[in-house]
């Protein structure tokens, strides 16, 4: 099973995680090869901390460099 290499995850399902994930929101993925072996991804969620979620809650995406820079800048401003 290949680990996801896309740096962002779009939430498509927040079942059981209503307080932590917002459907339609893009979250940053932190590399975690060990978790990826179990189909889990490390996401910086609404708490501002990183937690493991099953990959089925997300669609993995990437953006052009300028967009990526803006997303990361917004995240830092939060």
Foldseek 3Di string as FASTA:
>chain_A
DDADPFQKWAFCDCVVNVVWADHRDIWGWDDDVVVVVVQWTWTCTPVNHTDIDHCVRTDGDHDPPVVVVVVVVVNVVD
